[in-house]
Amino acid sequence: MYRMVQCSHCPRQYHVDLAQLMRGASRWACPVCGQITDFAEHQIQQPTTSLEAKQAWGAIGVAAFFVGLIMFGNRISDWLESA
């Protein structure tokens, strides 16, 4: 989903894909979770993957994604406490 956002430092505005930002955040926070999410997405896109397997890979990808977001949130809170 794209949203129009304004830079917090200048008057420029951009269209940003929020899902890509969150995936990027999870990769920054935890490279392992990001790699699992990428691998799960790749497996889902394979034409030979059954519907049941696609659903399982989807659940794995979502779980890894949220683990990454939680780790990202913890890093942000640690950073704010130390500032």
C-alpha atoms as a PDB file:
ATOM      1  CA  MET A   1       0.000   0.000   0.000  1.00  0.00           C
ATOM      2  CA  TYR A   2       1.471   3.319  -1.052  1.00  0.00           C
ATOM      3  CA  ARG A   3       1.102   6.429   1.052  1.00  0.00           C
ATOM      4  CA  MET A   4       2.146   9.993   0.484  1.00  0.00           C
ATOM      5  CA  VAL A   5       4.567  11.002   3.223  1.00  0.00           C
ATOM      6  CA  GLN A   6       6.457  14.186   3.905  1.00  0.00           C
ATOM      7  CA  CYS A   7      10.073  14.220   4.977  1.00  0.00           C
ATOM      8  CA  SER A   8      10.469  15.288   8.601  1.00  0.00           C
ATOM      9  CA  HIS A   9      13.471  17.458   7.667  1.00  0.00           C
ATOM     10  CA  CYS A  10      12.403  19.195   4.455  1.00  0.00           C
ATOM     11  CA  PRO A  11       9.249  20.002   2.475  1.00  0.00           C
ATOM     12  CA  ARG A  12       9.635  17.082   0.028  1.00  0.00           C
ATOM     13  CA  GLN A  13       6.864  14.511  -0.279  1.00  0.00           C
ATOM     14  CA  TYR A  14       7.199  10.913  -1.434  1.00  0.00           C
ATOM     15  CA  HIS A  15       5.058   7.903  -2.236  1.00  0.00           C
ATOM     16  CA  VAL A  16       6.201   5.159   0.113  1.00  0.00           C
ATOM     17  CA  ASP A  17       5.271   1.477   0.111  1.00  0.00           C
ATOM     18  CA  LEU A  18       4.560   0.776   3.788  1.00  0.00           C
ATOM     19  CA  ALA A  19       4.937  -2.994   3.408  1.00  0.00           C
ATOM     20  CA  GLN A  20       8.422  -2.560   1.970  1.00  0.00           C
ATOM     21  CA  LEU A  21       9.346  -0.233   4.814  1.00  0.00           C
ATOM     22  CA  MET A  22       8.212  -2.759   7.405  1.00  0.00           C
ATOM     23  CA  ARG A  23      10.049  -5.606   5.654  1.00  0.00           C
ATOM     24  CA  GLY A  24      13.126  -3.413   5.527  1.00  0.00           C
ATOM     25  CA  ALA A  25      12.751  -2.674   9.225  1.00  0.00           C
ATOM     26  CA  SER A  26      12.549  -6.360  10.059  1.00  0.00           C
ATOM     27  CA  ARG A  27      15.640  -7.074   7.957  1.00  0.00           C
ATOM     28  CA  TRP A  28      17.528  -4.267   9.652  1.00  0.00           C
ATOM     29  CA  ALA A  29      16.505  -5.524  13.069  1.00  0.00           C
ATOM     30  CA  CYS A  30      17.102  -9.210  12.429  1.00  0.00           C
ATOM     31  CA  PRO A  31      18.821 -10.421   9.269  1.00  0.00           C
ATOM     32  CA  VAL A  32      17.756 -13.995  10.041  1.00  0.00           C
ATOM     33  CA  CYS A  33      14.047 -13.109  10.146  1.00  0.00           C
ATOM     34  CA  GLY A  34      14.404 -11.054   6.987  1.00  0.00           C
ATOM     35  CA  GLN A  35      16.038 -13.981   5.218  1.00  0.00           C
ATOM     36  CA  ILE A  36      13.288 -16.335   6.387  1.00  0.00           C
ATOM     37  CA  THR A  37      10.656 -13.915   5.124  1.00  0.00           C
ATOM     38  CA  ASP A  38      12.386 -13.659   1.732  1.00  0.00           C
ATOM     39  CA  PHE A  39      12.758 -17.423   1.490  1.00  0.00           C
ATOM     40  CA  ALA A  40       9.090 -17.981   2.383  1.00  0.00           C
ATOM     41  CA  GLU A  41       7.987 -15.448  -0.242  1.00  0.00           C
ATOM     42  CA  HIS A  42      10.160 -17.179  -2.825  1.00  0.00           C
ATOM     43  CA  GLN A  43       8.665 -20.573  -1.953  1.00  0.00           C
ATOM     44  CA  ILE A  44       5.134 -19.230  -2.252  1.00  0.00           C
ATOM     45  CA  GLN A  45       5.860 -17.939  -5.765  1.00  0.00           C
ATOM     46  CA  GLN A  46       7.063 -21.319  -7.034  1.00  0.00           C
ATOM     47  CA  PRO A  47       4.493 -22.832  -9.436  1.00  0.00           C
ATOM     48  CA  THR A  48       5.172 -26.351  -8.117  1.00  0.00           C
ATOM     49  CA  THR A  49       4.314 -25.443  -4.513  1.00  0.00           C
ATOM     50  CA  SER A  50       0.958 -26.858  -3.422  1.00  0.00           C
ATOM     51  CA  LEU A  51      -1.748 -24.649  -1.941  1.00  0.00           C
ATOM     52  CA  GLU A  52      -1.250 -26.192   1.518  1.00  0.00           C
ATOM     53  CA  ALA A  53       2.501 -25.600   1.355  1.00  0.00           C
ATOM     54  CA  LYS A  54       1.913 -22.009   0.212  1.00  0.00           C
ATOM     55  CA  GLN A  55      -0.294 -21.434   3.238  1.00  0.00           C
ATOM     56  CA  ALA A  56       2.341 -22.921   5.542  1.00  0.00           C
ATOM     57  CA  TRP A  57       5.096 -20.782   3.994  1.00  0.00           C
ATOM     58  CA  GLY A  58       2.826 -17.753   4.308  1.00  0.00           C
ATOM     59  CA  ALA A  59       2.387 -18.405   8.032  1.00  0.00           C
ATOM     60  CA  ILE A  60       6.148 -18.865   8.462  1.00  0.00           C
ATOM     61  CA  GLY A  61       6.845 -15.623   6.600  1.00  0.00           C
ATOM     62  CA  VAL A  62       4.299 -13.672   8.644  1.00  0.00           C
ATOM     63  CA  ALA A  63       5.651 -15.040  11.928  1.00  0.00           C
ATOM     64  CA  ALA A  64       9.228 -14.154  10.958  1.00  0.00           C
ATOM     65  CA  PHE A  65       8.084 -10.711   9.839  1.00  0.00           C
ATOM     66  CA  PHE A  66       6.466  -9.981  13.209  1.00  0.00           C
ATOM     67  CA  VAL A  67       9.456 -11.315  15.123  1.00  0.00           C
ATOM     68  CA  GLY A  68      11.576  -8.868  13.138  1.00  0.00           C
ATOM     69  CA  LEU A  69       9.206  -5.992  13.919  1.00  0.00           C
ATOM     70  CA  ILE A  70       9.299  -6.796  17.625  1.00  0.00           C
ATOM     71  CA  MET A  71      13.092  -6.869  17.528  1.00  0.00           C
ATOM     72  CA  PHE A  72      13.079  -3.571  15.635  1.00  0.00           C
ATOM     73  CA  GLY A  73      10.834  -2.045  18.301  1.00  0.00           C
ATOM     74  CA  ASN A  74      13.167  -3.284  21.030  1.00  0.00           C
ATOM     75  CA  ARG A  75      16.153  -1.730  19.281  1.00  0.00           C
ATOM     76  CA  ILE A  76      14.342   1.585  18.928  1.00  0.00           C
ATOM     77  CA  SER A  77      13.357   1.596  22.603  1.00  0.00           C
ATOM     78  CA  ASP A  78      16.941   0.723  23.627  1.00  0.00           C
ATOM     79  CA  TRP A  79      18.221   3.528  21.424  1.00  0.00           C
ATOM     80  CA  LEU A  80      15.752   6.029  22.893  1.00  0.00           C
ATOM     81  CA  GLU A  81      16.665   5.034  26.446  1.00  0.00           C
ATOM     82  CA  SER A  82      20.366   5.516  25.759  1.00  0.00           C
ATOM     83  CA  ALA A  83      19.856   8.916  24.084  1.00  0.00           C
END
